[in-house]
């Protein structure tokens, strides 16, 4: 996943999801948050 370019909450979310190797649901949730 592309990470480390966002800051603040979104940056933390990316890092957490990446660390957890996000499943499809988590990726979908994050994608929704970005739109």
C-alpha atoms as a PDB file:
ATOM      1  CA  UNK A   1       0.000   0.000   0.000  1.00  0.00           C
ATOM      2  CA  UNK A   2       1.061   3.553  -0.603  1.00  0.00           C
ATOM      3  CA  UNK A   3       1.741   5.043   2.787  1.00  0.00           C
ATOM      4  CA  UNK A   4       4.052   7.519   4.487  1.00  0.00           C
ATOM      5  CA  UNK A   5       2.821  10.374   2.263  1.00  0.00           C
ATOM      6  CA  UNK A   6      -0.257  11.190   4.327  1.00  0.00           C
ATOM      7  CA  UNK A   7      -0.156  13.001   7.642  1.00  0.00           C
ATOM      8  CA  UNK A   8      -2.193  13.103  10.812  1.00  0.00           C
ATOM      9  CA  UNK A   9      -5.071  10.689  11.300  1.00  0.00           C
ATOM     10  CA  UNK A  10      -5.025   9.339   7.758  1.00  0.00           C
ATOM     11  CA  UNK A  11      -1.316   8.664   8.039  1.00  0.00           C
ATOM     12  CA  UNK A  12      -1.867   6.733  11.241  1.00  0.00           C
ATOM     13  CA  UNK A  13      -4.733   4.795   9.683  1.00  0.00           C
ATOM     14  CA  UNK A  14      -2.562   3.810   6.730  1.00  0.00           C
ATOM     15  CA  UNK A  15       0.271   2.746   9.007  1.00  0.00           C
ATOM     16  CA  UNK A  16      -2.032   0.692  11.224  1.00  0.00           C
ATOM     17  CA  UNK A  17      -3.763  -0.964   8.279  1.00  0.00           C
ATOM     18  CA  UNK A  18      -0.451  -1.647   6.563  1.00  0.00           C
ATOM     19  CA  UNK A  19       0.971  -3.132   9.736  1.00  0.00           C
ATOM     20  CA  UNK A  20      -2.061  -5.374  10.089  1.00  0.00           C
ATOM     21  CA  UNK A  21      -1.958  -6.330   6.386  1.00  0.00           C
ATOM     22  CA  UNK A  22      -5.475  -5.079   5.950  1.00  0.00           C
ATOM     23  CA  UNK A  23      -8.139  -7.418   4.728  1.00  0.00           C
ATOM     24  CA  UNK A  24     -10.511  -6.445   1.930  1.00  0.00           C
ATOM     25  CA  UNK A  25     -13.054  -4.909   4.311  1.00  0.00           C
ATOM     26  CA  UNK A  26     -10.483  -2.642   5.923  1.00  0.00           C
ATOM     27  CA  UNK A  27      -9.148  -1.526   2.536  1.00  0.00           C
ATOM     28  CA  UNK A  28     -12.712  -0.820   1.397  1.00  0.00           C
ATOM     29  CA  UNK A  29     -13.364   1.228   4.534  1.00  0.00           C
ATOM     30  CA  UNK A  30     -10.222   3.266   4.010  1.00  0.00           C
ATOM     31  CA  UNK A  31     -11.056   3.789   0.344  1.00  0.00           C
ATOM     32  CA  UNK A  32     -14.484   5.106   1.355  1.00  0.00           C
ATOM     33  CA  UNK A  33     -12.840   7.518   3.781  1.00  0.00           C
ATOM     34  CA  UNK A  34     -10.660   8.931   0.995  1.00  0.00           C
ATOM     35  CA  UNK A  35     -13.521   9.673  -1.419  1.00  0.00           C
END
